[in-house]
Amino acid sequence: MKRLPVGILILGAVSGHALDLGLAWEPATNQNVIGAVDGSGMFHHRYGGDLELELAGFTQGETSGERSEVLRWDPTGGYYIQGKRWGWTTSGGPCPGGGPCELLLHWDRQTGHWTFLVLDGAGQLYTLTPTSWNTKGDPVPGPPPHQLSSIQDPKVAGVFPIAMNGEGRLWFFDIAALTWEPYPFGGIYTGAAPTDFLALTTQDVTDLGETYLFVIDETGLISRSTDTGWEDYAQIPGGTAPYRLDGFVKSTADEGAWIELRVLDDDGRLFLPRGDAYEAFGEPCGGTAPLDLAVYRAVNRGTHMIFAVDSTGALFSMKPTGEWVILCESF
């Protein structure tokens, strides 16, 4: 078994999604890729440069403002970034497995390439090239539905897919052996039906290597796992299930790690932490359900951006003022 991060919190999630949005970031250059798997299992992606330079008006901060020389709107063609239109590109055909599909994107520092992974409804993991789908190992043990996230070990620059099956059991994928192994921390999630699952690993202080795992259920309750079992973390007030969850971990050598979560409900409302509670922020996204959420964070600058995609492929970005802007109209 490969060495895994220490000091881990656990999450669970069960029902799969008809749509999954992902973001991956290459820290050395701030290059990124945005990807989505639609209800048919088709993978759509958009490679970009530095999102904060491209979408200068949407970065967090009191002084940020829309820069017309960077971001331009053409009513007949959508958004253009320095003359280049935002849009989706497809790779290959639909995932050969049955849906719903779960997407995992990451930058592999060891190979210097992007890695695209998809988990199908039967728990089979696939890797995707520009032209073909290739299976990796056997399906996740246990019954569906399955959900996919990832844990990281900064000491070896390794990324390990982690999945939860329909029994609430967690498994991690050993990349070298191509096998699913029982996740060695925490226990089985037995709460209300989860609607999303999230694993977060510290990135600021790489020698810590702590991973935090969460689940949000159909009632809007966020739970996390500790060494002694699952515990309540936060409650989303007045939202509509299913909920989608994303976020990041901030950490310093002096203060340790703290968690920043973002929640999107089925009506497109975003919920942010305010003290010890979560509150709705800004206007509803306005997309066609189902929706999915992704948070892009540039650790180099300490800023983050919020994205959502709807069932048609419309890609939204939220301004700091709480307004949503459509960047891509559809798949």
Protein backbone atom coordinates (compact mmCIF):
# COMPACT_ATOMS: atom_id res chain seq x y z
CA MET A 1 0.00 0.00 0.00
CA LYS A 2 1.27 3.45 -0.86
CA ARG A 3 1.97 5.91 1.92
CA LEU A 4 -1.00 8.22 2.47
CA PRO A 5 -1.36 11.59 4.17
CA VAL A 6 -1.69 11.62 7.93
CA GLY A 7 -4.25 13.43 10.06
CA ILE A 8 -7.23 12.75 7.83
CA LEU A 9 -10.90 13.64 8.13
CA ILE A 10 -13.41 11.68 6.13
CA LEU A 11 -16.39 12.31 4.01
CA GLY A 12 -19.00 10.33 2.33
CA ALA A 13 -21.38 10.73 -0.48
CA VAL A 14 -23.62 8.46 -2.23
CA SER A 15 -25.94 9.31 -5.06
CA GLY A 16 -24.14 10.00 -8.32
CA HIS A 17 -24.74 13.06 -10.45
CA ALA A 18 -26.09 13.51 -13.95
CA LEU A 19 -23.51 16.26 -14.50
CA ASP A 20 -20.03 16.78 -13.07
CA LEU A 21 -17.78 19.84 -13.32
CA GLY A 22 -14.08 19.87 -12.51
CA LEU A 23 -11.18 22.32 -12.41
CA ALA A 24 -7.48 21.56 -12.33
CA TRP A 25 -4.62 23.98 -11.81
CA GLU A 26 -0.90 23.86 -12.56
CA PRO A 27 0.73 25.91 -9.76
CA ALA A 28 4.01 26.79 -11.46
CA THR A 29 2.37 28.70 -14.32
CA ASN A 30 -1.26 29.15 -13.15
CA GLN A 31 -2.39 27.26 -16.26
CA ASN A 32 -5.73 25.50 -15.91
CA VAL A 33 -8.22 23.16 -17.48
CA ILE A 34 -11.99 23.22 -16.95
CA GLY A 35 -13.86 20.00 -17.69
CA ALA A 36 -17.38 18.61 -17.46
CA VAL A 37 -19.04 15.25 -18.05
CA ASP A 38 -22.62 15.59 -19.23
CA GLY A 39 -25.58 13.23 -18.75
CA SER A 40 -24.59 11.16 -21.79
CA GLY A 41 -21.04 10.60 -20.50
CA MET A 42 -19.45 12.98 -23.02
CA PHE A 43 -16.36 14.81 -21.75
CA HIS A 44 -16.12 18.54 -22.54
CA HIS A 45 -13.13 20.66 -21.67
CA ARG A 46 -11.58 24.08 -22.08
CA TYR A 47 -7.85 24.72 -21.70
CA GLY A 48 -6.85 28.18 -20.54
CA GLY A 49 -4.10 30.39 -19.31
CA ASP A 50 -4.23 32.18 -15.99
CA LEU A 51 -7.93 32.47 -15.12
CA GLU A 52 -7.36 35.53 -12.95
CA LEU A 53 -5.78 37.38 -15.84
CA GLU A 54 -8.46 36.24 -18.25
CA LEU A 55 -11.37 36.99 -15.93
CA ALA A 56 -9.85 39.99 -14.24
CA GLY A 57 -13.20 41.37 -13.17
CA PHE A 58 -14.25 38.27 -11.26
CA THR A 59 -11.32 37.75 -8.88
CA GLN A 60 -11.84 38.22 -5.17
CA GLY A 61 -10.68 41.55 -3.75
CA GLU A 62 -11.97 45.04 -3.15
CA THR A 63 -10.03 46.60 -6.01
CA SER A 64 -10.92 44.10 -8.74
CA GLY A 65 -12.92 45.52 -11.63
CA GLU A 66 -13.85 44.32 -15.08
CA ARG A 67 -11.03 45.11 -17.49
CA SER A 68 -12.48 45.62 -20.94
CA GLU A 69 -9.12 45.11 -22.62
CA VAL A 70 -9.02 41.57 -21.22
CA LEU A 71 -12.66 40.48 -21.11
CA ARG A 72 -15.00 41.55 -23.92
CA TRP A 73 -18.62 40.71 -24.60
CA ASP A 74 -19.96 40.25 -28.13
CA PRO A 75 -23.77 39.81 -28.15
CA THR A 76 -23.50 37.52 -31.19
CA GLY A 77 -20.61 35.41 -29.97
CA GLY A 78 -20.43 35.42 -26.19
CA TYR A 79 -17.36 36.21 -24.12
CA TYR A 80 -13.98 36.70 -25.72
CA ILE A 81 -10.75 36.68 -23.76
CA GLN A 82 -8.05 38.70 -25.52
CA GLY A 83 -9.75 37.89 -28.81
CA LYS A 84 -10.31 34.18 -28.05
CA ARG A 85 -13.85 32.95 -27.55
CA TRP A 86 -14.68 30.84 -24.51
CA GLY A 87 -16.16 27.51 -25.51
CA TRP A 88 -16.11 23.75 -24.97
CA THR A 89 -14.15 21.13 -26.89
CA THR A 90 -15.09 17.44 -26.78
CA SER A 91 -12.70 14.50 -26.58
CA GLY A 92 -13.62 11.12 -28.04
CA GLY A 93 -17.11 9.71 -27.68
CA PRO A 94 -19.27 9.16 -24.59
CA CYS A 95 -17.87 7.15 -21.70
CA PRO A 96 -18.47 3.47 -22.60
CA GLY A 97 -19.74 2.71 -19.09
CA GLY A 98 -23.19 3.56 -17.85
CA GLY A 99 -23.89 6.82 -16.05
CA PRO A 100 -24.02 8.80 -13.96
CA CYS A 101 -20.33 9.69 -14.27
CA GLU A 102 -17.95 11.32 -11.81
CA LEU A 103 -15.04 13.44 -13.07
CA LEU A 104 -11.56 13.96 -11.65
CA LEU A 105 -9.02 16.33 -13.20
CA HIS A 106 -5.53 17.02 -11.95
CA TRP A 107 -2.10 18.17 -13.03
CA ASP A 108 0.46 15.38 -12.72
CA ARG A 109 3.71 17.00 -11.65
CA GLN A 110 5.61 13.76 -12.19
CA THR A 111 4.70 13.44 -15.87
CA GLY A 112 4.04 17.10 -16.62
CA HIS A 113 0.64 16.36 -18.15
CA TRP A 114 -3.03 16.78 -17.33
CA THR A 115 -4.82 13.62 -16.16
CA PHE A 116 -8.53 13.09 -16.83
CA LEU A 117 -10.31 10.33 -14.89
CA VAL A 118 -13.98 9.32 -14.95
CA LEU A 119 -15.82 6.87 -12.69
CA ASP A 120 -18.93 5.39 -14.30
CA GLY A 121 -22.15 4.35 -12.59
CA ALA A 122 -20.89 0.79 -12.05
CA GLY A 123 -17.74 2.02 -10.32
CA GLN A 124 -15.35 1.42 -13.24
CA LEU A 125 -12.51 3.94 -13.45
CA TYR A 126 -11.46 5.23 -16.87
CA THR A 127 -8.62 7.42 -18.05
CA LEU A 128 -9.37 9.62 -21.04
CA THR A 129 -7.03 10.57 -23.88
CA PRO A 130 -8.00 12.96 -26.71
CA THR A 131 -9.33 9.99 -28.70
CA SER A 132 -10.10 7.04 -26.44
CA TRP A 133 -11.30 5.77 -23.05
CA ASN A 134 -9.15 3.20 -21.21
CA THR A 135 -10.19 1.21 -18.14
CA LYS A 136 -8.00 1.30 -15.03
CA GLY A 137 -8.23 -1.75 -12.77
CA ASP A 138 -11.45 -3.34 -11.57
CA PRO A 139 -14.61 -1.52 -10.43
CA VAL A 140 -14.91 -0.05 -6.94
CA PRO A 141 -15.90 -2.85 -4.53
CA GLY A 142 -19.43 -2.76 -3.23
CA PRO A 143 -22.75 -1.61 -4.65
CA PRO A 144 -23.51 1.66 -6.44
CA PRO A 145 -24.11 4.53 -6.41
CA HIS A 146 -20.49 5.72 -6.38
CA GLN A 147 -18.84 9.10 -5.98
CA LEU A 148 -15.32 10.17 -6.78
CA SER A 149 -12.88 12.64 -5.30
CA SER A 150 -9.12 12.60 -4.70
CA ILE A 151 -6.54 12.83 -1.97
CA GLN A 152 -3.00 14.11 -2.41
CA ASP A 153 0.36 13.38 -0.87
CA PRO A 154 2.48 16.50 -1.40
CA LYS A 155 5.62 14.69 -0.27
CA VAL A 156 5.58 12.52 -3.39
CA ALA A 157 3.41 14.79 -5.58
CA GLY A 158 0.95 11.91 -5.77
CA VAL A 159 -2.81 12.07 -6.39
CA PHE A 160 -4.95 9.12 -5.29
CA PRO A 161 -8.55 8.76 -6.52
CA ILE A 162 -10.89 8.05 -3.63
CA ALA A 163 -14.43 6.73 -4.01
CA MET A 164 -17.41 6.02 -1.78
CA ASN A 165 -19.77 3.19 -2.62
CA GLY A 166 -23.45 2.76 -1.85
CA GLU A 167 -22.70 1.28 1.57
CA GLY A 168 -20.87 4.43 2.67
CA ARG A 169 -17.47 2.68 2.51
CA LEU A 170 -14.41 4.56 1.25
CA TRP A 171 -11.79 3.13 -1.11
CA PHE A 172 -8.63 4.64 -2.58
CA PHE A 173 -7.04 3.68 -5.88
CA ASP A 174 -3.45 2.49 -5.80
CA ILE A 175 -2.07 3.94 -9.05
CA ALA A 176 0.91 1.54 -9.15
CA ALA A 177 -1.01 -1.68 -8.43
CA LEU A 178 -4.18 -0.56 -10.28
CA THR A 179 -6.33 -1.82 -7.40
CA TRP A 180 -8.89 -0.31 -5.05
CA GLU A 181 -7.81 -0.59 -1.41
CA PRO A 182 -9.88 0.11 1.73
CA TYR A 183 -9.35 3.66 2.89
CA PRO A 184 -7.51 3.27 6.21
CA PHE A 185 -8.95 6.24 8.10
CA GLY A 186 -12.36 6.95 9.62
CA GLY A 187 -15.42 4.76 9.37
CA ILE A 188 -18.56 4.04 7.37
CA TYR A 189 -20.92 6.94 6.79
CA THR A 190 -24.43 6.06 8.03
CA GLY A 191 -26.23 9.43 7.93
CA ALA A 192 -28.96 10.72 5.64
CA ALA A 193 -28.57 10.23 1.89
CA PRO A 194 -25.51 12.20 0.74
CA THR A 195 -25.74 14.45 -2.30
CA ASP A 196 -22.02 15.27 -2.64
CA PHE A 197 -18.62 14.15 -1.41
CA LEU A 198 -15.41 16.16 -1.13
CA ALA A 199 -11.79 15.52 -0.18
CA LEU A 200 -9.49 18.49 0.41
CA THR A 201 -5.73 18.40 0.94
CA THR A 202 -3.58 21.21 2.33
CA GLN A 203 -1.53 22.91 -0.36
CA ASP A 204 0.08 25.94 1.28
CA VAL A 205 2.32 24.07 3.70
CA THR A 206 3.30 20.97 1.79
CA ASP A 207 5.01 19.21 4.64
CA LEU A 208 1.72 18.94 6.55
CA GLY A 209 -0.02 16.74 4.01
CA GLU A 210 -3.36 16.74 5.83
CA THR A 211 -6.52 15.69 4.03
CA TYR A 212 -10.07 16.59 5.06
CA LEU A 213 -13.17 14.73 3.89
CA PHE A 214 -16.79 15.89 3.96
CA VAL A 215 -20.29 14.90 2.98
CA ILE A 216 -23.38 17.02 2.49
CA ASP A 217 -26.70 15.19 2.72
CA GLU A 218 -30.19 15.77 1.35
CA THR A 219 -31.15 17.86 4.40
CA GLY A 220 -28.25 20.30 3.87
CA LEU A 221 -26.23 18.93 6.79
CA ILE A 222 -22.46 18.92 6.23
CA SER A 223 -20.61 16.21 8.15
CA ARG A 224 -16.96 15.38 8.49
CA SER A 225 -15.16 12.34 9.76
CA THR A 226 -12.62 12.34 12.57
CA ASP A 227 -10.57 9.59 14.15
CA THR A 228 -13.52 8.77 16.42
CA GLY A 229 -16.32 8.87 13.84
CA TRP A 230 -18.58 11.23 11.93
CA GLU A 231 -19.58 14.59 13.39
CA ASP A 232 -21.83 17.47 12.33
CA TYR A 233 -19.90 20.33 10.74
CA ALA A 234 -22.48 22.85 9.46
CA GLN A 235 -26.11 23.18 8.38
CA ILE A 236 -27.26 24.91 5.18
CA PRO A 237 -30.44 26.89 6.04
CA GLY A 238 -33.42 26.99 3.71
CA GLY A 239 -31.76 25.42 0.70
CA THR A 240 -33.04 22.93 -1.86
CA ALA A 241 -31.50 19.49 -2.40
CA PRO A 242 -29.47 18.15 -4.08
CA TYR A 243 -26.56 20.19 -2.79
CA ARG A 244 -23.15 20.43 -4.45
CA LEU A 245 -20.02 20.99 -2.40
CA ASP A 246 -16.53 22.32 -3.17
CA GLY A 247 -13.84 24.34 -1.45
CA PHE A 248 -10.23 24.47 -0.38
CA VAL A 249 -7.98 24.37 2.66
CA LYS A 250 -5.84 27.26 3.83
CA SER A 251 -2.90 26.53 6.09
CA THR A 252 0.12 28.14 7.68
CA ALA A 253 2.92 26.66 9.74
CA ASP A 254 1.92 28.82 12.74
CA GLU A 255 -1.88 28.59 12.63
CA GLY A 256 -2.43 25.16 11.09
CA ALA A 257 -5.23 24.51 8.60
CA TRP A 258 -8.71 25.89 8.22
CA ILE A 259 -11.42 24.93 5.76
CA GLU A 260 -13.29 27.09 3.25
CA LEU A 261 -16.39 25.39 1.83
CA ARG A 262 -18.83 26.62 -0.82
CA VAL A 263 -22.28 25.06 -1.36
CA LEU A 264 -24.63 25.35 -4.36
CA ASP A 265 -28.24 24.20 -4.01
CA ASP A 266 -30.59 22.95 -6.72
CA ASP A 267 -32.08 26.43 -7.17
CA GLY A 268 -28.64 27.84 -8.00
CA ARG A 269 -28.15 29.65 -4.69
CA LEU A 270 -24.61 29.85 -3.33
CA PHE A 271 -24.00 29.53 0.41
CA LEU A 272 -20.88 30.91 2.10
CA PRO A 273 -19.65 30.65 5.70
CA ARG A 274 -20.39 33.63 7.92
CA GLY A 275 -18.89 33.04 11.33
CA ASP A 276 -20.18 29.71 12.59
CA ALA A 277 -23.10 29.55 10.12
CA TYR A 278 -23.71 29.47 6.36
CA GLU A 279 -25.73 32.13 4.55
CA ALA A 280 -26.99 32.56 1.00
CA PHE A 281 -24.89 34.99 -1.01
CA GLY A 282 -25.66 36.88 -4.20
CA GLU A 283 -28.27 36.08 -6.80
CA PRO A 284 -29.30 32.57 -7.93
CA CYS A 285 -27.25 31.15 -10.77
CA GLY A 286 -30.25 30.87 -13.08
CA GLY A 287 -29.07 27.78 -14.92
CA THR A 288 -31.12 24.71 -15.80
CA ALA A 289 -30.89 21.96 -13.16
CA PRO A 290 -29.04 19.79 -12.49
CA LEU A 291 -26.16 22.13 -11.61
CA ASP A 292 -22.62 21.50 -10.49
CA LEU A 293 -20.11 23.66 -8.62
CA ALA A 294 -16.34 24.07 -8.84
CA VAL A 295 -13.96 26.42 -7.04
CA TYR A 296 -10.73 27.52 -8.70
CA ARG A 297 -8.03 28.63 -6.29
CA ALA A 298 -4.65 30.09 -7.22
CA VAL A 299 -2.53 29.38 -4.16
CA ASN A 300 0.21 31.63 -5.51
CA ARG A 301 -2.09 34.64 -5.09
CA GLY A 302 -4.34 33.40 -2.31
CA THR A 303 -7.50 34.15 -4.32
CA HIS A 304 -10.33 31.98 -5.58
CA MET A 305 -13.10 32.01 -8.18
CA ILE A 306 -16.46 30.24 -8.23
CA PHE A 307 -17.87 28.44 -11.27
CA ALA A 308 -21.10 26.56 -11.99
CA VAL A 309 -22.33 24.59 -14.98
CA ASP A 310 -25.91 23.66 -15.83
CA SER A 311 -27.36 20.70 -17.72
CA THR A 312 -27.10 22.46 -21.08
CA GLY A 313 -23.40 23.20 -20.60
CA ALA A 314 -23.82 26.88 -19.81
CA LEU A 315 -20.75 27.80 -17.73
CA PHE A 316 -21.17 30.56 -15.14
CA SER A 317 -18.69 32.56 -13.10
CA MET A 318 -19.65 34.58 -10.03
CA LYS A 319 -18.42 38.14 -9.56
CA PRO A 320 -17.37 39.30 -6.08
CA THR A 321 -20.62 41.28 -5.96
CA GLY A 322 -22.70 38.09 -6.19
CA GLU A 323 -23.73 38.36 -9.86
CA TRP A 324 -23.36 35.39 -12.20
CA VAL A 325 -21.99 35.83 -15.73
CA ILE A 326 -22.30 33.20 -18.49
CA LEU A 327 -18.95 32.36 -20.09
CA CYS A 328 -20.02 29.46 -22.37
CA GLU A 329 -23.56 29.18 -23.66
CA SER A 330 -23.84 25.38 -24.03
CA PHE A 331 -22.00 22.19 -24.87
